[in-house]
Amino acid sequence: MMYFSKAEQLFKKARDKYKGYCLPGRLGQTRLVKVSDDCYGVKFHQTIVVKIYRNGMYEINNGGYSTPSTKERIQQYSPAQIVGLGFERWFVTDKNYSRVKEVTYNSSVFIGLDGKIKGSKDYSYYIDLCKERAREKSAQYRLRKRLEKETKIAETIPESETTLFKSVYTKETQTKLVKTAIGEY
């Protein structure tokens, strides 16, 4: 998170005040620019994604670009936490997920220095949905890794032994033997 005082210090170091101070990121595409005397902005490409006000308020705006890079810049330079359902919907929440506000196309969300969202609604069911999807993806990843491991074990068995293996043992016994071989039974 970047505070107003830090933004002020960094902007003073800018070589070209019109372009702003180049922040770490993708090939100079993230810059700190001066919006007014009481406001600095984090500009990603041509969009100011975070405005930092002297009074401690932050204004975030995705500019219609709900990309992972935009999300990363917003989370890096503001107190906002963003959860989303893919590229279609984003929800901004405070650090403990107690208040939530939906970010619609090219709309602004105001957040206080304390992390509280101004004008937020209760979208907790979307937060739960996002968490559930994350758990599902994690389970799918673990299953895929386990299948890859089993496939590698099966590939190491010579062809003559696999034919014998398939003809002698039932499907249930084959499964038990494979699980025993990989240490899951």
N, C-alpha and C. Protein backbone atom coordinates (compact mmCIF):
# COMPACT_ATOMS: atom_id res chain seq x y z
N MET A 1 0.84 -1.17 0.00
CA MET A 1 0.00 0.00 0.00
C MET A 1 0.89 1.24 0.00
N MET A 2 0.49 2.23 -0.74
CA MET A 2 1.25 3.48 -0.82
C MET A 2 0.47 4.59 -0.13
N TYR A 3 1.14 5.30 0.78
CA TYR A 3 0.53 6.43 1.48
C TYR A 3 0.79 7.71 0.69
N PHE A 4 0.03 8.75 1.00
CA PHE A 4 0.17 10.03 0.30
C PHE A 4 1.58 10.59 0.46
N SER A 5 2.14 10.52 1.66
CA SER A 5 3.49 11.07 1.91
C SER A 5 4.54 10.35 1.07
N LYS A 6 4.41 9.03 0.93
CA LYS A 6 5.34 8.25 0.11
C LYS A 6 5.19 8.63 -1.37
N ALA A 7 3.95 8.81 -1.81
CA ALA A 7 3.68 9.20 -3.20
C ALA A 7 4.31 10.57 -3.48
N GLU A 8 4.20 11.48 -2.51
CA GLU A 8 4.76 12.82 -2.65
C GLU A 8 6.29 12.75 -2.79
N GLN A 9 6.93 11.93 -1.95
CA GLN A 9 8.39 11.77 -2.01
C GLN A 9 8.84 11.18 -3.34
N LEU A 10 8.15 10.13 -3.78
CA LEU A 10 8.53 9.48 -5.05
C LEU A 10 8.33 10.40 -6.24
N PHE A 11 7.24 11.17 -6.24
CA PHE A 11 6.98 12.05 -7.37
C PHE A 11 8.06 13.13 -7.50
N LYS A 12 8.61 13.57 -6.39
CA LYS A 12 9.68 14.57 -6.42
C LYS A 12 10.92 14.03 -7.15
N LYS A 13 11.08 12.69 -7.17
CA LYS A 13 12.22 12.07 -7.83
C LYS A 13 12.01 11.89 -9.34
N ALA A 14 10.81 12.16 -9.81
CA ALA A 14 10.49 11.95 -11.24
C ALA A 14 11.33 12.87 -12.11
N ARG A 15 11.93 12.31 -13.16
CA ARG A 15 12.72 13.11 -14.11
C ARG A 15 11.81 13.97 -14.98
N ASP A 16 10.72 13.38 -15.42
CA ASP A 16 9.76 14.09 -16.26
C ASP A 16 8.45 14.17 -15.49
N LYS A 17 8.12 15.34 -14.96
CA LYS A 17 6.92 15.51 -14.13
C LYS A 17 5.64 15.24 -14.93
N TYR A 18 5.68 15.46 -16.24
CA TYR A 18 4.51 15.20 -17.06
C TYR A 18 4.21 13.70 -17.13
N LYS A 19 5.24 12.90 -17.36
CA LYS A 19 5.07 11.44 -17.43
C LYS A 19 4.90 10.82 -16.06
N GLY A 20 5.53 11.42 -15.04
CA GLY A 20 5.43 10.89 -13.68
C GLY A 20 6.60 10.00 -13.32
N TYR A 21 6.56 9.49 -12.11
CA TYR A 21 7.62 8.62 -11.60
C TYR A 21 7.33 7.18 -12.01
N CYS A 22 8.33 6.52 -12.55
CA CYS A 22 8.18 5.14 -13.01
C CYS A 22 8.23 4.18 -11.81
N LEU A 23 7.13 3.51 -11.54
CA LEU A 23 7.06 2.55 -10.45
C LEU A 23 7.51 1.18 -10.95
N PRO A 24 7.97 0.30 -10.05
CA PRO A 24 8.38 -1.03 -10.48
C PRO A 24 7.21 -1.77 -11.12
N GLY A 25 7.48 -2.45 -12.19
CA GLY A 25 6.40 -3.18 -12.88
C GLY A 25 6.79 -3.48 -14.30
N ARG A 26 5.80 -3.72 -15.13
CA ARG A 26 6.00 -4.14 -16.52
C ARG A 26 6.54 -3.01 -17.39
N LEU A 27 7.81 -3.03 -17.67
CA LEU A 27 8.44 -2.17 -18.67
C LEU A 27 7.99 -0.71 -18.60
N GLY A 28 7.92 -0.15 -17.42
CA GLY A 28 7.57 1.26 -17.28
C GLY A 28 6.12 1.58 -17.55
N GLN A 29 5.25 0.60 -17.51
CA GLN A 29 3.84 0.86 -17.79
C GLN A 29 3.08 1.34 -16.56
N THR A 30 3.72 1.29 -15.37
CA THR A 30 3.08 1.75 -14.14
C THR A 30 3.81 2.99 -13.68
N ARG A 31 3.07 4.11 -13.59
CA ARG A 31 3.68 5.39 -13.22
C ARG A 31 2.87 6.07 -12.14
N LEU A 32 3.58 6.86 -11.33
CA LEU A 32 2.94 7.69 -10.32
C LEU A 32 2.83 9.09 -10.90
N VAL A 33 1.61 9.59 -11.04
CA VAL A 33 1.39 10.91 -11.64
C VAL A 33 0.70 11.82 -10.63
N LYS A 34 0.86 13.12 -10.83
CA LYS A 34 0.20 14.09 -9.95
C LYS A 34 -1.11 14.50 -10.61
N VAL A 35 -2.21 14.24 -9.93
CA VAL A 35 -3.54 14.56 -10.44
C VAL A 35 -3.90 15.99 -10.04
N SER A 36 -3.65 16.33 -8.79
CA SER A 36 -3.86 17.68 -8.27
C SER A 36 -2.93 17.87 -7.08
N ASP A 37 -3.01 19.02 -6.41
CA ASP A 37 -2.16 19.25 -5.25
C ASP A 37 -2.47 18.29 -4.11
N ASP A 38 -3.70 17.83 -4.05
CA ASP A 38 -4.12 16.93 -2.97
C ASP A 38 -4.31 15.49 -3.42
N CYS A 39 -3.82 15.13 -4.59
CA CYS A 39 -4.08 13.79 -5.12
C CYS A 39 -2.97 13.32 -6.06
N TYR A 40 -2.51 12.09 -5.85
CA TYR A 40 -1.59 11.42 -6.77
C TYR A 40 -2.29 10.19 -7.31
N GLY A 41 -1.90 9.79 -8.51
CA GLY A 41 -2.53 8.63 -9.12
C GLY A 41 -1.51 7.61 -9.58
N VAL A 42 -1.88 6.33 -9.45
CA VAL A 42 -1.08 5.24 -10.00
C VAL A 42 -1.67 4.94 -11.37
N LYS A 43 -0.90 5.24 -12.40
CA LYS A 43 -1.37 5.10 -13.78
C LYS A 43 -0.79 3.82 -14.37
N PHE A 44 -1.67 2.93 -14.81
CA PHE A 44 -1.25 1.69 -15.47
C PHE A 44 -1.70 1.78 -16.91
N HIS A 45 -0.74 1.78 -17.82
CA HIS A 45 -0.96 2.09 -19.24
C HIS A 45 -1.59 3.49 -19.31
N GLN A 46 -2.82 3.62 -19.75
CA GLN A 46 -3.44 4.94 -19.87
C GLN A 46 -4.53 5.19 -18.82
N THR A 47 -4.65 4.30 -17.85
CA THR A 47 -5.72 4.40 -16.87
C THR A 47 -5.16 4.65 -15.47
N ILE A 48 -5.72 5.62 -14.77
CA ILE A 48 -5.35 5.82 -13.38
C ILE A 48 -6.19 4.85 -12.56
N VAL A 49 -5.54 3.79 -12.08
CA VAL A 49 -6.25 2.72 -11.38
C VAL A 49 -6.40 3.00 -9.88
N VAL A 50 -5.49 3.79 -9.31
CA VAL A 50 -5.58 4.16 -7.90
C VAL A 50 -5.30 5.65 -7.76
N LYS A 51 -6.19 6.35 -7.06
CA LYS A 51 -5.93 7.74 -6.70
C LYS A 51 -5.73 7.79 -5.20
N ILE A 52 -4.66 8.47 -4.78
CA ILE A 52 -4.32 8.58 -3.36
C ILE A 52 -4.53 10.03 -2.95
N TYR A 53 -5.47 10.26 -2.05
CA TYR A 53 -5.80 11.61 -1.61
C TYR A 53 -5.08 11.96 -0.31
N ARG A 54 -4.84 13.25 -0.11
CA ARG A 54 -4.15 13.75 1.08
C ARG A 54 -4.91 13.38 2.36
N ASN A 55 -6.23 13.34 2.31
CA ASN A 55 -7.04 13.06 3.50
C ASN A 55 -7.08 11.58 3.87
N GLY A 56 -6.33 10.74 3.14
CA GLY A 56 -6.27 9.31 3.46
C GLY A 56 -7.23 8.44 2.68
N MET A 57 -7.99 9.04 1.78
CA MET A 57 -8.93 8.27 0.95
C MET A 57 -8.20 7.71 -0.28
N TYR A 58 -8.69 6.58 -0.75
CA TYR A 58 -8.18 5.96 -1.98
C TYR A 58 -9.38 5.79 -2.90
N GLU A 59 -9.17 6.03 -4.17
CA GLU A 59 -10.20 5.79 -5.17
C GLU A 59 -9.63 4.78 -6.15
N ILE A 60 -10.33 3.68 -6.32
CA ILE A 60 -9.85 2.68 -7.29
C ILE A 60 -10.82 2.62 -8.46
N ASN A 61 -10.27 2.34 -9.64
CA ASN A 61 -11.05 2.31 -10.86
C ASN A 61 -10.32 1.39 -11.83
N ASN A 62 -10.99 0.36 -12.31
CA ASN A 62 -10.32 -0.56 -13.24
C ASN A 62 -10.35 -0.05 -14.67
N GLY A 63 -11.03 1.03 -14.94
CA GLY A 63 -11.07 1.59 -16.28
C GLY A 63 -11.69 0.67 -17.31
N GLY A 64 -12.44 -0.32 -16.85
CA GLY A 64 -13.05 -1.28 -17.76
C GLY A 64 -12.15 -2.46 -18.08
N TYR A 65 -10.95 -2.49 -17.47
CA TYR A 65 -9.99 -3.58 -17.73
C TYR A 65 -9.90 -4.46 -16.50
N SER A 66 -10.67 -5.53 -16.47
CA SER A 66 -10.67 -6.44 -15.32
C SER A 66 -9.63 -7.54 -15.53
N THR A 67 -8.37 -7.13 -15.66
CA THR A 67 -7.29 -8.09 -15.93
C THR A 67 -6.52 -8.38 -14.65
N PRO A 68 -5.79 -9.50 -14.61
CA PRO A 68 -4.97 -9.80 -13.44
C PRO A 68 -3.92 -8.71 -13.16
N SER A 69 -3.36 -8.10 -14.19
CA SER A 69 -2.36 -7.04 -14.00
C SER A 69 -2.97 -5.81 -13.35
N THR A 70 -4.17 -5.42 -13.79
CA THR A 70 -4.86 -4.28 -13.19
C THR A 70 -5.17 -4.57 -11.73
N LYS A 71 -5.66 -5.76 -11.47
CA LYS A 71 -5.97 -6.18 -10.11
C LYS A 71 -4.73 -6.13 -9.23
N GLU A 72 -3.61 -6.60 -9.75
CA GLU A 72 -2.35 -6.60 -9.01
C GLU A 72 -1.92 -5.18 -8.64
N ARG A 73 -2.02 -4.24 -9.57
CA ARG A 73 -1.63 -2.84 -9.30
C ARG A 73 -2.54 -2.22 -8.24
N ILE A 74 -3.84 -2.49 -8.34
CA ILE A 74 -4.77 -1.94 -7.37
C ILE A 74 -4.47 -2.47 -5.96
N GLN A 75 -4.24 -3.77 -5.86
CA GLN A 75 -3.96 -4.37 -4.55
C GLN A 75 -2.60 -3.94 -4.00
N GLN A 76 -1.65 -3.67 -4.89
CA GLN A 76 -0.31 -3.29 -4.46
C GLN A 76 -0.26 -1.87 -3.92
N TYR A 77 -1.02 -0.95 -4.50
CA TYR A 77 -0.90 0.46 -4.15
C TYR A 77 -2.09 1.02 -3.37
N SER A 78 -3.06 0.18 -2.97
CA SER A 78 -4.19 0.65 -2.18
C SER A 78 -4.51 -0.39 -1.10
N PRO A 79 -5.36 -0.03 -0.12
CA PRO A 79 -5.72 -1.00 0.91
C PRO A 79 -6.80 -1.99 0.46
N ALA A 80 -7.16 -1.98 -0.80
CA ALA A 80 -8.25 -2.83 -1.31
C ALA A 80 -7.80 -4.27 -1.49
N GLN A 81 -8.71 -5.18 -1.21
CA GLN A 81 -8.56 -6.58 -1.55
C GLN A 81 -9.60 -6.85 -2.62
N ILE A 82 -9.20 -7.52 -3.69
CA ILE A 82 -10.15 -7.77 -4.78
C ILE A 82 -10.35 -9.27 -4.93
N VAL A 83 -11.60 -9.66 -4.96
CA VAL A 83 -11.94 -11.04 -5.28
C VAL A 83 -12.84 -10.96 -6.49
N GLY A 84 -12.82 -11.97 -7.32
CA GLY A 84 -13.62 -11.86 -8.52
C GLY A 84 -14.05 -13.20 -9.07
N LEU A 85 -15.03 -13.13 -9.89
CA LEU A 85 -15.52 -14.30 -10.59
C LEU A 85 -15.04 -14.20 -12.03
N GLY A 86 -13.80 -14.50 -12.26
CA GLY A 86 -13.23 -14.39 -13.60
C GLY A 86 -13.08 -12.94 -14.00
N PHE A 87 -13.25 -12.66 -15.28
CA PHE A 87 -13.08 -11.30 -15.78
C PHE A 87 -14.37 -10.49 -15.70
N GLU A 88 -15.52 -11.17 -15.49
CA GLU A 88 -16.79 -10.45 -15.56
C GLU A 88 -17.05 -9.58 -14.34
N ARG A 89 -16.84 -10.11 -13.14
CA ARG A 89 -17.23 -9.40 -11.92
C ARG A 89 -16.08 -9.35 -10.94
N TRP A 90 -15.90 -8.16 -10.37
CA TRP A 90 -14.93 -7.97 -9.30
C TRP A 90 -15.67 -7.45 -8.09
N PHE A 91 -15.19 -7.84 -6.93
CA PHE A 91 -15.71 -7.32 -5.69
C PHE A 91 -14.54 -6.84 -4.85
N VAL A 92 -14.64 -5.62 -4.35
CA VAL A 92 -13.61 -5.04 -3.50
C VAL A 92 -14.04 -5.26 -2.07
N THR A 93 -13.11 -5.68 -1.24
CA THR A 93 -13.43 -5.93 0.16
C THR A 93 -12.32 -5.40 1.05
N ASP A 94 -12.64 -5.23 2.32
CA ASP A 94 -11.60 -4.82 3.24
C ASP A 94 -10.78 -6.06 3.63
N LYS A 95 -9.76 -5.87 4.43
CA LYS A 95 -8.81 -6.94 4.72
C LYS A 95 -9.44 -8.15 5.40
N ASN A 96 -10.49 -7.96 6.19
CA ASN A 96 -11.10 -9.11 6.88
C ASN A 96 -12.41 -9.55 6.23
N TYR A 97 -12.65 -9.14 4.99
CA TYR A 97 -13.80 -9.56 4.19
C TYR A 97 -15.14 -9.25 4.86
N SER A 98 -15.24 -8.17 5.63
CA SER A 98 -16.49 -7.86 6.30
C SER A 98 -17.41 -6.96 5.46
N ARG A 99 -16.83 -6.09 4.64
CA ARG A 99 -17.64 -5.21 3.78
C ARG A 99 -17.21 -5.38 2.34
N VAL A 100 -18.18 -5.37 1.45
CA VAL A 100 -17.87 -5.68 0.05
C VAL A 100 -18.61 -4.70 -0.86
N LYS A 101 -17.98 -4.34 -1.97
CA LYS A 101 -18.63 -3.51 -2.98
C LYS A 101 -18.27 -4.07 -4.36
N GLU A 102 -19.25 -4.14 -5.23
CA GLU A 102 -19.03 -4.63 -6.58
C GLU A 102 -18.40 -3.53 -7.43
N VAL A 103 -17.39 -3.90 -8.22
CA VAL A 103 -16.78 -2.96 -9.16
C VAL A 103 -17.37 -3.25 -10.53
N THR A 104 -18.14 -2.31 -11.02
CA THR A 104 -18.72 -2.48 -12.34
C THR A 104 -17.81 -1.83 -13.37
N TYR A 105 -18.14 -1.98 -14.63
CA TYR A 105 -17.33 -1.46 -15.73
C TYR A 105 -17.05 0.03 -15.54
N ASN A 106 -15.79 0.37 -15.43
CA ASN A 106 -15.32 1.77 -15.37
C ASN A 106 -15.98 2.58 -14.25
N SER A 107 -16.16 1.96 -13.09
CA SER A 107 -16.73 2.67 -11.95
C SER A 107 -15.67 2.84 -10.86
N SER A 108 -15.88 3.81 -9.99
CA SER A 108 -14.92 4.08 -8.93
C SER A 108 -15.44 3.58 -7.59
N VAL A 109 -14.51 3.15 -6.75
CA VAL A 109 -14.82 2.73 -5.39
C VAL A 109 -13.91 3.52 -4.47
N PHE A 110 -14.47 4.09 -3.41
CA PHE A 110 -13.69 4.87 -2.45
C PHE A 110 -13.44 4.04 -1.20
N ILE A 111 -12.17 4.07 -0.74
CA ILE A 111 -11.76 3.30 0.43
C ILE A 111 -11.01 4.23 1.35
N GLY A 112 -11.31 4.16 2.64
CA GLY A 112 -10.62 4.97 3.63
C GLY A 112 -9.27 4.36 3.98
N LEU A 113 -8.45 5.12 4.66
CA LEU A 113 -7.13 4.65 5.09
C LEU A 113 -7.26 3.44 6.01
N ASP A 114 -8.38 3.38 6.73
CA ASP A 114 -8.64 2.25 7.62
C ASP A 114 -9.08 1.00 6.86
N GLY A 115 -9.24 1.12 5.54
CA GLY A 115 -9.64 -0.02 4.72
C GLY A 115 -11.14 -0.15 4.56
N LYS A 116 -11.92 0.75 5.15
CA LYS A 116 -13.38 0.67 5.05
C LYS A 116 -13.85 1.23 3.71
N ILE A 117 -14.77 0.52 3.11
CA ILE A 117 -15.29 0.88 1.79
C ILE A 117 -16.51 1.77 1.97
N LYS A 118 -16.52 2.86 1.24
CA LYS A 118 -17.64 3.80 1.32
C LYS A 118 -18.77 3.33 0.41
N GLY A 119 -19.97 3.27 0.95
CA GLY A 119 -21.14 2.88 0.15
C GLY A 119 -21.15 1.42 -0.23
N SER A 120 -20.68 0.55 0.64
CA SER A 120 -20.61 -0.87 0.29
C SER A 120 -21.92 -1.60 0.60
N LYS A 121 -22.11 -2.72 -0.05
CA LYS A 121 -23.30 -3.55 0.14
C LYS A 121 -22.85 -4.92 0.63
N ASP A 122 -23.81 -5.73 0.99
CA ASP A 122 -23.49 -7.08 1.44
C ASP A 122 -23.51 -8.04 0.26
N TYR A 123 -22.34 -8.41 -0.20
CA TYR A 123 -22.19 -9.40 -1.27
C TYR A 123 -21.47 -10.63 -0.73
N SER A 124 -21.68 -10.95 0.54
CA SER A 124 -20.93 -12.03 1.17
C SER A 124 -21.14 -13.37 0.46
N TYR A 125 -22.32 -13.57 -0.16
CA TYR A 125 -22.54 -14.83 -0.86
C TYR A 125 -21.61 -14.96 -2.07
N TYR A 126 -21.21 -13.84 -2.70
CA TYR A 126 -20.24 -13.92 -3.79
C TYR A 126 -18.85 -14.26 -3.27
N ILE A 127 -18.52 -13.74 -2.10
CA ILE A 127 -17.22 -14.06 -1.49
C ILE A 127 -17.17 -15.56 -1.21
N ASP A 128 -18.25 -16.10 -0.66
CA ASP A 128 -18.31 -17.54 -0.39
C ASP A 128 -18.20 -18.34 -1.69
N LEU A 129 -18.84 -17.86 -2.75
CA LEU A 129 -18.76 -18.53 -4.04
C LEU A 129 -17.33 -18.54 -4.58
N CYS A 130 -16.63 -17.40 -4.44
CA CYS A 130 -15.23 -17.31 -4.88
C CYS A 130 -14.35 -18.27 -4.11
N LYS A 131 -14.56 -18.34 -2.80
CA LYS A 131 -13.76 -19.25 -1.97
C LYS A 131 -14.03 -20.70 -2.36
N GLU A 132 -15.30 -21.03 -2.63
CA GLU A 132 -15.67 -22.39 -3.03
C GLU A 132 -15.00 -22.76 -4.35
N ARG A 133 -15.00 -21.82 -5.30
CA ARG A 133 -14.35 -22.08 -6.59
C ARG A 133 -12.84 -22.30 -6.41
N ALA A 134 -12.25 -21.55 -5.51
CA ALA A 134 -10.81 -21.72 -5.24
C ALA A 134 -10.54 -23.10 -4.65
N ARG A 135 -11.41 -23.57 -3.75
CA ARG A 135 -11.24 -24.91 -3.18
C ARG A 135 -11.40 -25.98 -4.25
N GLU A 136 -12.38 -25.79 -5.16
CA GLU A 136 -12.58 -26.75 -6.24
C GLU A 136 -11.36 -26.82 -7.15
N LYS A 137 -10.81 -25.66 -7.50
CA LYS A 137 -9.62 -25.64 -8.36
C LYS A 137 -8.46 -26.33 -7.69
N SER A 138 -8.32 -26.14 -6.38
CA SER A 138 -7.24 -26.77 -5.62
C SER A 138 -7.42 -28.29 -5.63
N ALA A 139 -8.64 -28.76 -5.44
CA ALA A 139 -8.92 -30.20 -5.45
C ALA A 139 -8.66 -30.78 -6.84
N GLN A 140 -9.05 -30.05 -7.89
CA GLN A 140 -8.80 -30.52 -9.25
C GLN A 140 -7.30 -30.62 -9.52
N TYR A 141 -6.55 -29.65 -9.02
CA TYR A 141 -5.09 -29.65 -9.21
C TYR A 141 -4.47 -30.85 -8.51
N ARG A 142 -4.89 -31.13 -7.27
CA ARG A 142 -4.34 -32.28 -6.53
C ARG A 142 -4.67 -33.59 -7.26
N LEU A 143 -5.90 -33.71 -7.76
CA LEU A 143 -6.31 -34.91 -8.48
C LEU A 143 -5.48 -35.08 -9.76
N ARG A 144 -5.29 -33.98 -10.50
CA ARG A 144 -4.50 -34.05 -11.72
C ARG A 144 -3.06 -34.50 -11.43
N LYS A 145 -2.46 -33.98 -10.37
CA LYS A 145 -1.10 -34.36 -9.99
C LYS A 145 -1.04 -35.83 -9.61
N ARG A 146 -2.05 -36.31 -8.88
CA ARG A 146 -2.08 -37.72 -8.49
C ARG A 146 -2.19 -38.63 -9.71
N LEU A 147 -3.04 -38.24 -10.66
CA LEU A 147 -3.18 -39.05 -11.89
C LEU A 147 -1.88 -39.06 -12.70
N GLU A 148 -1.20 -37.91 -12.75
CA GLU A 148 0.09 -37.86 -13.44
C GLU A 148 1.08 -38.80 -12.78
N LYS A 149 1.08 -38.84 -11.45
CA LYS A 149 1.98 -39.72 -10.71
C LYS A 149 1.67 -41.19 -10.99
N GLU A 150 0.36 -41.54 -10.98
CA GLU A 150 -0.05 -42.91 -11.26
C GLU A 150 0.31 -43.31 -12.69
N THR A 151 0.17 -42.37 -13.62
CA THR A 151 0.50 -42.64 -15.02
C THR A 151 2.00 -42.92 -15.17
N LYS A 152 2.81 -42.14 -14.48
CA LYS A 152 4.26 -42.37 -14.53
C LYS A 152 4.63 -43.74 -13.98
N ILE A 153 3.95 -44.15 -12.90
CA ILE A 153 4.22 -45.48 -12.32
C ILE A 153 3.81 -46.56 -13.30
N ALA A 154 2.64 -46.39 -13.91
CA ALA A 154 2.15 -47.39 -14.87
C ALA A 154 3.06 -47.48 -16.09
N GLU A 155 3.67 -46.36 -16.50
CA GLU A 155 4.55 -46.37 -17.67
C GLU A 155 5.86 -47.10 -17.40
N THR A 156 6.26 -47.22 -16.13
CA THR A 156 7.51 -47.89 -15.80
C THR A 156 7.38 -49.41 -15.79
N ILE A 157 6.14 -49.92 -15.74
CA ILE A 157 5.93 -51.37 -15.75
C ILE A 157 6.06 -51.87 -17.18
N PRO A 158 6.90 -52.92 -17.40
CA PRO A 158 7.05 -53.47 -18.76
C PRO A 158 5.72 -53.99 -19.32
N GLU A 159 5.58 -53.98 -20.64
CA GLU A 159 4.34 -54.38 -21.33
C GLU A 159 3.93 -55.80 -20.99
N SER A 160 4.88 -56.72 -20.90
CA SER A 160 4.54 -58.12 -20.62
C SER A 160 3.92 -58.26 -19.23
N GLU A 161 4.41 -57.48 -18.28
CA GLU A 161 3.87 -57.56 -16.91
C GLU A 161 2.49 -56.91 -16.82
N THR A 162 2.24 -55.86 -17.59
CA THR A 162 0.92 -55.21 -17.53
C THR A 162 -0.15 -56.11 -18.11
N THR A 163 0.18 -56.86 -19.15
CA THR A 163 -0.80 -57.79 -19.73
C THR A 163 -1.16 -58.85 -18.70
N LEU A 164 -0.15 -59.38 -18.02
CA LEU A 164 -0.37 -60.37 -16.98
C LEU A 164 -1.17 -59.74 -15.84
N PHE A 165 -0.82 -58.54 -15.48
CA PHE A 165 -1.48 -57.80 -14.40
C PHE A 165 -2.96 -57.64 -14.68
N LYS A 166 -3.30 -57.26 -15.91
CA LYS A 166 -4.69 -57.02 -16.29
C LYS A 166 -5.49 -58.33 -16.37
N SER A 167 -4.84 -59.41 -16.80
CA SER A 167 -5.57 -60.67 -16.97
C SER A 167 -5.77 -61.41 -15.65
N VAL A 168 -4.85 -61.27 -14.69
CA VAL A 168 -4.93 -62.03 -13.44
C VAL A 168 -5.81 -61.34 -12.40
N TYR A 169 -5.69 -60.01 -12.27
CA TYR A 169 -6.38 -59.30 -11.20
C TYR A 169 -7.66 -58.61 -11.67
N THR A 170 -8.64 -58.53 -10.77
CA THR A 170 -9.87 -57.81 -11.08
C THR A 170 -9.58 -56.31 -11.02
N LYS A 171 -10.52 -55.52 -11.49
CA LYS A 171 -10.35 -54.06 -11.51
C LYS A 171 -10.16 -53.51 -10.09
N GLU A 172 -10.90 -54.05 -9.14
CA GLU A 172 -10.79 -53.61 -7.74
C GLU A 172 -9.41 -53.92 -7.18
N THR A 173 -8.91 -55.10 -7.45
CA THR A 173 -7.59 -55.50 -6.96
C THR A 173 -6.50 -54.66 -7.63
N GLN A 174 -6.67 -54.39 -8.92
CA GLN A 174 -5.70 -53.55 -9.63
C GLN A 174 -5.61 -52.17 -8.98
N THR A 175 -6.76 -51.60 -8.65
CA THR A 175 -6.79 -50.28 -8.01
C THR A 175 -6.07 -50.32 -6.67
N LYS A 176 -6.33 -51.36 -5.87
CA LYS A 176 -5.66 -51.49 -4.56
C LYS A 176 -4.15 -51.61 -4.73
N LEU A 177 -3.73 -52.38 -5.70
CA LEU A 177 -2.29 -52.56 -5.93
C LEU A 177 -1.61 -51.26 -6.35
N VAL A 178 -2.28 -50.51 -7.23
CA VAL A 178 -1.71 -49.23 -7.68
C VAL A 178 -1.63 -48.26 -6.51
N LYS A 179 -2.70 -48.19 -5.70
CA LYS A 179 -2.70 -47.28 -4.53
C LYS A 179 -1.63 -47.69 -3.53
N THR A 180 -1.43 -49.00 -3.35
CA THR A 180 -0.38 -49.47 -2.44
C THR A 180 0.99 -49.06 -2.98
N ALA A 181 1.18 -49.15 -4.29
CA ALA A 181 2.46 -48.81 -4.91
C ALA A 181 2.81 -47.34 -4.74
N ILE A 182 1.79 -46.48 -4.74
CA ILE A 182 2.09 -45.05 -4.61
C ILE A 182 1.93 -44.56 -3.18
N GLY A 183 1.62 -45.48 -2.26
CA GLY A 183 1.58 -45.14 -0.84
C GLY A 183 0.31 -44.48 -0.37
N GLU A 184 -0.80 -44.77 -1.00
CA GLU A 184 -2.07 -44.16 -0.60
C GLU A 184 -3.03 -45.18 0.00
N TYR A 185 -2.59 -46.41 0.21
CA TYR A 185 -3.52 -47.42 0.71
C TYR A 185 -2.97 -48.07 1.93
